[in-house]
Amino acid sequence: MKTRRWCALAAFLTLGLAGCAGVPVERYRAEQPVLDLARYFNGTIDGWGMFQDRSGEVIKRFTVVIEATWQGNVGTLDEHFTWADGTTSRRVWTITRDGEGRYRGRADDVIGEASGEAAGNALHWRYVLALPVGEKVYHVDFDDWMFLIDERVMLNRSAMKKWGFHLGEVTLSFTRR
C-alpha cells in the first residue's frame, strides 16, 4: 500500500512539474507571419495595455509609444508610458540578436539580462524587473510572450511571479504606424 501511494505521489509531482515547463517557442515555428524583431520594432509603435492582479481585477491601464531603431544586430526600444492616472515613465531597452532566433536585452530597471527566443510568429522573453510599488521596489519575474498577428499588429501577454507565486498579468496590443 505504501509503495502505491509513493508511486501515485511521484506520478502527480512529475505531471505537475511537466505542466510548469509551458509551451516551447518551437511550437510556433510554422506560424506566419514570421516575427523579425528588427523589422517589426523599427520606427514608431503605439501600444495599449493593462495590468491585472491575480484575481483578474484591472489595477492599472496605460498607453506606450515606442521609438525603435536598429544598427546591425543591436536595437534600441525607447518606451514612453502614460498611465491612466496621468503619470509617465520611460524604459529604454537595448536588444541584441544573439544568433538565429535568440535575443538578449538590458534596461535600467531590468535586473541582469533578459533572454528571448523567437520562432515563427512568436517571441518568448524572460527577465526580472525592478518594480516600484509604493515606497518599495520588488524584483519580479516576467514570463513574456509576443505574437505577431499581421505586419502591423502584435499581441503581448506577460505573467508576473515572485518566489514562484503568480502576481498577475500584463496584456498589451501593439500597432506599427
Protein backbone atom coordinates (compact mmCIF):
# COMPACT_ATOMS: atom_id res chain seq x y z
CA MET A 1 0.00 0.00 0.00
CA LYS A 2 2.84 2.40 0.87
CA THR A 3 4.53 1.71 -2.46
CA ARG A 4 1.34 2.52 -4.34
CA ARG A 5 0.99 5.84 -2.53
CA TRP A 6 4.60 6.75 -3.28
CA CYS A 7 4.13 5.86 -6.95
CA ALA A 8 0.95 7.92 -7.13
CA LEU A 9 2.68 10.87 -5.44
CA ALA A 10 5.69 10.59 -7.78
CA ALA A 11 3.40 10.50 -10.83
CA PHE A 12 1.45 13.51 -9.56
CA LEU A 13 4.62 15.53 -8.93
CA THR A 14 6.05 14.57 -12.33
CA LEU A 15 2.87 15.72 -14.10
CA GLY A 16 2.81 18.89 -12.01
CA LEU A 17 6.40 19.76 -12.91
CA ALA A 18 5.80 18.99 -16.57
CA GLY A 19 2.91 21.48 -16.51
CA CYS A 20 5.31 24.16 -15.24
CA ALA A 21 7.51 23.79 -18.31
CA GLY A 22 4.94 25.51 -20.53
CA VAL A 23 4.81 25.58 -24.30
CA PRO A 24 8.16 25.66 -26.10
CA VAL A 25 8.56 28.55 -28.56
CA GLU A 26 9.43 25.94 -31.21
CA ARG A 27 5.73 25.02 -31.24
CA TYR A 28 5.13 28.23 -33.28
CA ARG A 29 7.92 27.73 -35.86
CA ALA A 30 5.48 27.20 -38.78
CA GLU A 31 3.21 30.14 -37.84
CA GLN A 32 3.03 33.15 -40.16
CA PRO A 33 3.89 35.91 -40.49
CA VAL A 34 7.40 35.30 -39.17
CA LEU A 35 8.39 37.70 -36.38
CA ASP A 36 11.61 39.55 -37.16
CA LEU A 37 12.22 41.89 -34.21
CA ALA A 38 14.45 44.23 -36.23
CA ARG A 39 11.75 44.63 -38.86
CA TYR A 40 8.74 44.95 -36.52
CA PHE A 41 10.41 47.14 -33.89
CA ASN A 42 11.73 49.72 -36.34
CA GLY A 43 10.07 53.13 -36.34
CA THR A 44 7.17 54.19 -34.14
CA ILE A 45 4.94 51.64 -32.44
CA ASP A 46 1.85 52.50 -30.39
CA GLY A 47 0.67 50.25 -27.57
CA TRP A 48 -2.26 49.91 -25.19
CA GLY A 49 -2.13 47.77 -22.08
CA MET A 50 -3.34 46.85 -18.64
CA PHE A 51 -2.14 45.08 -15.52
CA GLN A 52 -4.49 42.61 -13.85
CA ASP A 53 -3.81 41.25 -10.37
CA ARG A 54 -4.01 37.53 -9.58
CA SER A 55 -7.81 37.75 -9.14
CA GLY A 56 -8.22 39.28 -12.62
CA GLU A 57 -9.05 42.79 -11.46
CA VAL A 58 -7.65 45.52 -13.71
CA ILE A 59 -5.34 47.56 -11.47
CA LYS A 60 -3.54 49.81 -13.99
CA ARG A 61 -4.08 50.86 -17.60
CA PHE A 62 -1.55 52.56 -19.84
CA THR A 63 -0.50 53.57 -23.32
CA VAL A 64 3.03 53.38 -24.66
CA VAL A 65 4.79 54.93 -27.62
CA ILE A 66 7.96 53.13 -28.69
CA GLU A 67 10.61 54.74 -30.87
CA ALA A 68 12.68 51.84 -32.18
CA THR A 69 15.88 51.76 -34.22
CA TRP A 70 18.42 49.07 -35.18
CA GLN A 71 22.06 49.18 -36.15
CA GLY A 72 23.19 45.77 -37.28
CA ASN A 73 22.25 43.23 -34.59
CA VAL A 74 21.60 45.85 -31.88
CA GLY A 75 18.23 47.52 -31.41
CA THR A 76 17.09 50.34 -29.13
CA LEU A 77 13.47 50.50 -27.99
CA ASP A 78 12.74 53.83 -26.28
CA GLU A 79 9.41 53.26 -24.49
CA HIS A 80 7.34 56.21 -23.20
CA PHE A 81 4.47 55.14 -20.92
CA THR A 82 1.45 57.22 -19.95
CA TRP A 83 -0.57 55.68 -17.13
CA ALA A 84 -4.32 56.14 -16.65
CA ASP A 85 -3.67 58.27 -13.54
CA GLY A 86 -1.68 60.76 -15.67
CA THR A 87 1.81 59.73 -14.52
CA THR A 88 4.51 58.90 -17.04
CA SER A 89 7.54 56.63 -17.12
CA ARG A 90 10.22 55.57 -19.54
CA ARG A 91 12.19 52.40 -20.25
CA VAL A 92 14.96 52.10 -22.82
CA TRP A 93 15.76 48.58 -23.99
CA THR A 94 18.96 47.62 -25.75
CA ILE A 95 18.32 44.34 -27.52
CA THR A 96 20.99 42.24 -29.21
CA ARG A 97 20.30 39.49 -31.70
CA ASP A 98 22.45 36.66 -30.42
CA GLY A 99 22.29 34.05 -33.15
CA GLU A 100 19.38 32.59 -35.08
CA GLY A 101 16.17 33.36 -33.19
CA ARG A 102 17.94 34.27 -29.92
CA TYR A 103 17.94 37.66 -28.26
CA ARG A 104 19.23 39.25 -25.09
CA GLY A 105 18.33 42.61 -23.66
CA ARG A 106 19.05 45.18 -21.00
CA ALA A 107 17.20 48.13 -19.50
CA ASP A 108 17.82 50.25 -16.39
CA ASP A 109 15.04 48.56 -14.41
CA VAL A 110 15.84 45.02 -15.60
CA ILE A 111 17.95 43.02 -13.16
CA GLY A 112 20.72 41.28 -15.07
CA GLU A 113 19.90 40.39 -18.64
CA ALA A 114 16.68 39.43 -20.40
CA SER A 115 16.78 36.42 -22.69
CA GLY A 116 14.45 35.55 -25.50
CA GLU A 117 13.88 33.09 -28.27
CA ALA A 118 11.81 33.61 -31.41
CA ALA A 119 10.25 31.02 -33.71
CA GLY A 120 7.61 31.61 -36.36
CA ASN A 121 5.32 34.43 -35.23
CA ALA A 122 6.26 34.17 -31.52
CA LEU A 123 8.86 35.52 -29.11
CA HIS A 124 9.29 34.10 -25.61
CA TRP A 125 11.08 36.64 -23.44
CA ARG A 126 12.11 36.23 -19.75
CA TYR A 127 13.55 38.76 -17.35
CA VAL A 128 13.47 40.13 -13.80
CA LEU A 129 12.08 43.64 -13.43
CA ALA A 130 12.69 46.02 -10.51
CA LEU A 131 9.06 47.02 -9.96
CA PRO A 132 8.31 50.01 -7.70
CA VAL A 133 5.20 49.58 -5.55
CA GLY A 134 4.65 52.49 -3.20
CA GLU A 135 7.89 53.11 -1.32
CA LYS A 136 9.33 49.66 -2.06
CA VAL A 137 10.91 48.03 -5.10
CA TYR A 138 10.29 44.34 -5.78
CA HIS A 139 12.24 42.10 -8.15
CA VAL A 140 9.52 40.38 -10.17
CA ASP A 141 9.93 37.55 -12.71
CA PHE A 142 8.34 38.25 -16.11
CA ASP A 143 7.46 35.43 -18.49
CA ASP A 144 6.64 37.36 -21.63
CA TRP A 145 5.07 36.08 -24.88
CA MET A 146 4.66 38.18 -28.03
CA PHE A 147 2.69 37.03 -31.07
CA LEU A 148 2.78 38.80 -34.43
CA ILE A 149 -0.77 38.83 -35.79
CA ASP A 150 -0.04 40.62 -39.05
CA GLU A 151 2.57 43.09 -40.33
CA ARG A 152 1.19 45.88 -38.10
CA VAL A 153 -0.36 44.22 -35.01
CA MET A 154 1.35 42.28 -32.23
CA LEU A 155 -0.19 40.95 -29.01
CA ASN A 156 1.83 40.59 -25.80
CA ARG A 157 0.96 38.73 -22.61
CA SER A 158 3.24 38.66 -19.58
CA ALA A 159 2.83 36.57 -16.45
CA MET A 160 4.36 38.09 -13.31
CA LYS A 161 5.68 35.98 -10.44
CA LYS A 162 7.55 36.48 -7.19
CA TRP A 163 9.07 33.45 -5.41
CA GLY A 164 7.05 31.27 -7.79
CA PHE A 165 3.72 32.83 -6.81
CA HIS A 166 1.52 34.30 -9.56
CA LEU A 167 1.07 38.05 -9.02
CA GLY A 168 -0.84 38.99 -12.13
CA GLU A 169 -0.63 39.58 -15.87
CA VAL A 170 0.15 42.39 -18.26
CA THR A 171 -1.67 42.40 -21.59
CA LEU A 172 -0.59 44.66 -24.46
CA SER A 173 -1.59 45.34 -28.02
CA PHE A 174 0.99 46.96 -30.34
CA THR A 175 0.36 48.64 -33.70
CA ARG A 176 3.08 49.87 -36.05
CA ARG A 177 2.46 53.25 -37.62
